[in-house]
Structure formats: C-alpha cells, structure tokens
Amino acid sequence: MKKILIGMLAVATFIFSANAQETGKMKHHNHRHENAMLMKGINLSTTQKEQMKAARENAKKQMMELNKNEDITVKEFKARKAGIRKTQKEQMDKVLTPEQKTRMAQNKTDRKAKRELNVAKRLDKMKSNLNLSDEQVNKIKANREASQAKATAIKENNQLSQAEKKEQLMSLREANKINFKQVLTPEQMSKMEQMKKNRVDKPVRK
C-alpha cells in the first residue's frame, strides 16, 4: 500500500513536471541513463568511440571559446551555438552505420513507449487512490500532452538562451501545478496533501 501511495504522489509531479529542473546530481544521472538506453545494442567499435569522443571534445572547446567572446550580440551567439551543435550532430551521424542509426531510432521509440506506459500505470494508481472520475483523468492526460508540446517548443527554440529556456520551463511547471489543482476537488487535494505530509514525516530507516 505504501508503494502505491508513493507512486500516486509521484505521478502528479511526473505527469505535469516532466520538464522540471532537477538537482544537478539526479539530472546528470538521468542524462547518462537515457544516453545508455539510446546506445543499447549499438555496439560501437573502438574507432567509433574515439571519433565520437573527439566530436564531443571539439564541440565543448568551441563552446568554451564562444562563451568567452563578449564582442558579439546575443542573436549571433545563439546562431553560433546552434551551428556548433548542428556540426557535432552531423559528425556523430557520420560515425554511425545505417544499421546503427536504425537501432538508435528504434531505441528512441522504445524509450518513449516505456515512458508512456509508466505514466499510464501511475495514473491508474492515482485514479484508484484518489477516486478520480474519467473526466478528471482525461483532463490530466490532455494537460500533460499540452505541457509536453509547449516544453518541446521551448527546448527547440534556438532563439532562446539557456537561462530563458530555464525560466520559461519553470513558469510552465508552475502553470501545470495550477492546472492540476483545478482538476482535483478540494477533498482530493486535501487527501493528497495529507499523504504528502505523511510521506515527509515518515521516519528514515537506518
């Protein structure tokens, strides 16, 4: 039961805050985990690994030099940054064989399907424990899809700086919290807050 409650409490954040800013350590861990999933079954050769490493280091070096340049406009900075990333991607694409590219594309599809399945399972638990109506579930799903579309648009907008993207994503997260509260009834919100409090007050096992 405790696992169900914890999962239910997590689904609200997972559904509406998929694009939230995480702590540095957790964010780094998730990034590495996702990269590992994408590269599953790719079987890079030693030469390919060296070529990809060289492309990453070259891009990193160019970004460091770009960040030191204070004599260019913000627009030019963004354009050069986008160019560096594009070149890096093109270099890495050239390293992979057609078969490896196909496998990577499949890995992306599988990762997305797995994420969607996890969301569905958690939402089912949330529906059961908070006694959500079908209408509420549909609203949560619709809000999540809309949020994902907005977050993707923000992330892919090369006209925005990283700071601007972060600010807009945080604003989106706050808007999602408001939307979530509007979907639940006061009784459901109260129950969820109480479960959250119980989770925080739960003694840590040593």
Protein backbone atom coordinates (compact mmCIF):
# COMPACT_ATOMS: atom_id res chain seq x y z
CA MET A 1 0.00 0.00 0.00
CA LYS A 2 2.86 2.36 0.85
CA LYS A 3 4.38 1.79 -2.57
CA ILE A 4 1.05 2.61 -4.19
CA LEU A 5 0.72 5.83 -2.22
CA ILE A 6 4.25 6.88 -3.05
CA GLY A 7 3.68 6.10 -6.70
CA MET A 8 0.46 8.08 -6.65
CA LEU A 9 2.15 11.08 -5.11
CA ALA A 10 4.87 10.90 -7.72
CA VAL A 11 2.53 10.77 -10.70
CA ALA A 12 1.36 14.36 -10.33
CA THR A 13 4.92 15.59 -10.50
CA PHE A 14 5.81 13.10 -13.22
CA ILE A 15 2.82 13.98 -15.39
CA PHE A 16 2.95 17.73 -15.01
CA SER A 17 6.63 18.26 -14.29
CA ALA A 18 8.36 16.00 -16.78
CA ASN A 19 10.37 19.03 -17.81
CA ALA A 20 11.08 20.38 -14.33
CA GLN A 21 14.61 21.33 -13.34
CA GLU A 22 16.12 18.56 -11.19
CA THR A 23 19.07 18.66 -8.85
CA GLY A 24 22.44 18.54 -10.59
CA LYS A 25 23.33 15.04 -9.47
CA MET A 26 19.95 13.49 -10.37
CA LYS A 27 19.80 15.35 -13.66
CA HIS A 28 23.27 14.10 -14.58
CA HIS A 29 22.33 10.56 -13.61
CA ASN A 30 19.14 10.63 -15.70
CA HIS A 31 21.02 12.10 -18.66
CA ARG A 32 23.58 9.30 -18.52
CA HIS A 33 20.84 6.71 -18.13
CA GLU A 34 18.97 8.00 -21.18
CA ASN A 35 22.14 8.05 -23.24
CA ALA A 36 22.82 4.46 -22.20
CA MET A 37 19.32 3.47 -23.32
CA LEU A 38 19.79 5.16 -26.68
CA MET A 39 23.10 3.37 -27.25
CA LYS A 40 21.77 -0.05 -26.23
CA GLY A 41 22.70 -2.63 -28.85
CA ILE A 42 24.63 -0.09 -30.95
CA ASN A 43 27.95 -1.85 -30.30
CA LEU A 44 30.32 0.96 -31.22
CA SER A 45 33.77 -0.04 -32.31
CA THR A 46 36.84 1.40 -30.60
CA THR A 47 37.38 3.70 -33.57
CA GLN A 48 33.79 4.94 -33.45
CA LYS A 49 34.04 5.65 -29.73
CA GLU A 50 37.21 7.66 -30.28
CA GLN A 51 35.60 9.61 -33.13
CA MET A 52 32.52 10.44 -31.03
CA LYS A 53 34.70 11.47 -28.09
CA ALA A 54 36.71 13.75 -30.38
CA ALA A 55 33.50 15.33 -31.73
CA ARG A 56 32.22 15.98 -28.19
CA GLU A 57 35.51 17.47 -27.03
CA ASN A 58 35.76 19.64 -30.13
CA ALA A 59 32.23 20.96 -29.59
CA LYS A 60 32.97 21.58 -25.92
CA LYS A 61 36.11 23.51 -26.80
CA GLN A 62 34.24 25.65 -29.32
CA MET A 63 31.51 26.39 -26.77
CA MET A 64 34.08 27.46 -24.19
CA GLU A 65 35.65 29.83 -26.70
CA LEU A 66 32.23 31.14 -27.69
CA ASN A 67 31.30 31.82 -24.07
CA LYS A 68 34.46 33.91 -23.67
CA ASN A 69 33.55 36.09 -26.65
CA GLU A 70 31.87 39.20 -25.28
CA ASP A 71 32.04 41.18 -28.52
CA ILE A 72 29.10 39.53 -30.27
CA THR A 73 25.38 40.11 -30.00
CA VAL A 74 23.00 37.69 -28.28
CA LYS A 75 21.49 36.81 -31.65
CA GLU A 76 24.90 35.96 -33.11
CA PHE A 77 25.81 33.96 -30.00
CA LYS A 78 22.67 31.85 -30.37
CA ALA A 79 23.31 31.32 -34.06
CA ARG A 80 26.89 30.16 -33.48
CA LYS A 81 25.82 27.91 -30.63
CA ALA A 82 23.19 26.27 -32.81
CA GLY A 83 25.81 25.85 -35.52
CA ILE A 84 28.22 24.11 -33.15
CA ARG A 85 25.54 21.67 -32.03
CA LYS A 86 24.44 21.01 -35.59
CA THR A 87 28.01 20.29 -36.68
CA GLN A 88 28.54 17.96 -33.73
CA LYS A 89 25.37 16.03 -34.56
CA GLU A 90 26.37 15.75 -38.21
CA GLN A 91 29.82 14.47 -37.24
CA MET A 92 28.35 11.84 -34.94
CA ASP A 93 25.81 10.77 -37.56
CA LYS A 94 28.65 10.14 -39.99
CA VAL A 95 30.31 7.83 -37.47
CA LEU A 96 27.31 5.50 -37.24
CA THR A 97 26.48 2.85 -39.80
CA PRO A 98 22.96 2.72 -41.34
CA GLU A 99 22.18 -0.29 -39.13
CA GLN A 100 23.30 1.55 -36.00
CA LYS A 101 21.18 4.57 -36.91
CA THR A 102 18.15 2.32 -37.38
CA ARG A 103 18.77 0.70 -33.99
CA MET A 104 19.14 4.08 -32.30
CA ALA A 105 15.86 5.27 -33.83
CA GLN A 106 14.18 2.12 -32.50
CA ASN A 107 15.69 2.73 -29.07
CA LYS A 108 14.15 6.21 -29.06
CA THR A 109 10.76 4.76 -29.96
CA ASP A 110 11.06 2.08 -27.27
CA ARG A 111 12.11 4.64 -24.66
CA LYS A 112 9.10 6.82 -25.43
CA ALA A 113 6.74 3.82 -25.29
CA LYS A 114 8.18 2.75 -21.93
CA ARG A 115 7.78 6.26 -20.53
CA GLU A 116 4.17 6.43 -21.69
CA LEU A 117 3.46 3.01 -20.15
CA ASN A 118 4.89 4.11 -16.81
CA VAL A 119 2.75 7.26 -16.86
CA ALA A 120 -0.36 5.21 -17.62
CA LYS A 121 0.33 2.79 -14.75
CA ARG A 122 0.92 5.59 -12.27
CA LEU A 123 -2.17 7.43 -13.43
CA ASP A 124 -4.24 4.28 -12.91
CA LYS A 125 -2.99 4.07 -9.31
CA MET A 126 -3.72 7.72 -8.78
CA LYS A 127 -7.23 7.28 -10.19
CA SER A 128 -7.88 4.43 -7.79
CA ASN A 129 -6.49 6.05 -4.65
CA LEU A 130 -8.00 9.49 -5.19
CA ASN A 131 -11.15 8.14 -6.79
CA LEU A 132 -10.72 10.26 -9.91
CA SER A 133 -13.53 10.37 -12.43
CA ASP A 134 -12.96 9.52 -16.09
CA GLU A 135 -13.40 13.21 -16.89
CA GLN A 136 -10.64 14.15 -14.46
CA VAL A 137 -8.31 11.52 -15.91
CA ASN A 138 -8.95 12.80 -19.42
CA LYS A 139 -8.21 16.37 -18.33
CA ILE A 140 -4.94 15.27 -16.71
CA LYS A 141 -3.93 13.46 -19.89
CA ALA A 142 -4.86 16.44 -22.07
CA ASN A 143 -2.95 18.86 -19.84
CA ARG A 144 0.08 16.58 -19.92
CA GLU A 145 0.09 16.38 -23.70
CA ALA A 146 -0.27 20.15 -23.99
CA SER A 147 2.53 20.64 -21.49
CA GLN A 148 4.84 18.30 -23.38
CA ALA A 149 4.20 20.15 -26.63
CA LYS A 150 4.96 23.51 -25.01
CA ALA A 151 8.10 22.20 -23.32
CA THR A 152 9.37 20.73 -26.58
CA ALA A 153 8.76 24.04 -28.35
CA ILE A 154 10.72 25.87 -25.66
CA LYS A 155 13.64 23.44 -25.76
CA GLU A 156 13.87 23.53 -29.55
CA ASN A 157 13.64 27.32 -29.79
CA ASN A 158 17.15 28.35 -30.78
CA GLN A 159 16.21 31.99 -30.31
CA LEU A 160 16.15 31.47 -26.55
CA SER A 161 19.19 31.34 -24.30
CA GLN A 162 19.58 28.54 -21.76
CA ALA A 163 18.59 30.94 -18.99
CA GLU A 164 15.45 31.96 -20.90
CA LYS A 165 14.56 28.33 -21.56
CA LYS A 166 15.01 27.50 -17.89
CA GLU A 167 12.83 30.43 -16.85
CA GLN A 168 10.06 29.50 -19.29
CA LEU A 169 10.16 25.83 -18.29
CA MET A 170 9.87 26.81 -14.62
CA SER A 171 6.90 29.04 -15.47
CA LEU A 172 5.35 26.14 -17.34
CA ARG A 173 5.85 23.94 -14.30
CA GLU A 174 4.05 26.43 -12.07
CA ALA A 175 1.20 26.67 -14.58
CA ASN A 176 0.96 22.88 -14.55
CA LYS A 177 0.63 22.87 -10.77
CA ILE A 178 -2.26 25.31 -11.01
CA ASN A 179 -3.93 23.23 -13.73
CA PHE A 180 -3.55 20.13 -11.59
CA LYS A 181 -5.19 21.78 -8.59
CA GLN A 182 -8.08 22.89 -10.78
CA VAL A 183 -8.69 19.30 -11.90
CA LEU A 184 -8.93 17.85 -8.38
CA THR A 185 -11.70 18.53 -5.92
CA PRO A 186 -10.85 20.17 -2.57
CA GLU A 187 -11.30 16.79 -0.87
CA GLN A 188 -8.93 15.09 -3.29
CA MET A 189 -6.35 17.83 -2.87
CA SER A 190 -6.64 17.59 0.90
CA LYS A 191 -6.15 13.83 0.78
CA MET A 192 -3.13 14.19 -1.47
CA GLU A 193 -1.57 16.86 0.75
CA GLN A 194 -2.08 14.67 3.81
CA MET A 195 -0.40 11.73 2.09
CA LYS A 196 2.45 14.02 1.12
CA LYS A 197 2.80 15.14 4.73
CA ASN A 198 2.77 11.54 5.94
CA ARG A 199 5.50 10.72 3.45
CA VAL A 200 7.68 13.61 4.67
CA ASP A 201 7.09 12.71 8.32
CA LYS A 202 7.89 9.04 7.73
CA PRO A 203 10.99 8.09 9.78
CA VAL A 204 14.06 7.17 7.77
CA ARG A 205 15.25 3.61 8.22
CA LYS A 206 18.87 3.21 9.25
